[in-house]
Amino acid sequence: VHPEEASYEDVAAALSLLQQAKDKVARLEALREERRRQHAAEAAELRKHLEKARRRSLRQLLLRLAPPGSAFARKPAPGLLTSPLPSPRAERAKKAAEVVEQGQRCFEPVTQAA
């Protein structure tokens, strides 16, 4: 329909379609903006989680590799009650020392006789 031949109803219908299209574009842009904000929030949360995990891993690595008595070695907090039971590491060290001592006692007569 040429603009000269358009009736009032044609113009009204075209304006209605134009308004519907503008409304749909506005809804889609609002949805896109909401999804962008949601994605940014999720990404920030993930970055925070990964940074905490990285720091925790680094701290654990430093504790594991640090020589005893160094600045990174774990020290009990003041006022912290420690368990009266030995740690698994202390138990393994004690058993290893006992085995070495038994071995030395076993071989003492042999080394003295030689």
Foldseek 3Di string as FASTA:
>chain_A
DDPVPDDPVNVVVVVVVVVVVVVVVVVVVVVVVVVVVVVVVVVVVVVVVVVVVVVVVVLVVCCVPPDPPDPSDDDDDPPDDDDPDDDPVVVVVVVVVVVVVVVCVVCVVVVVVD
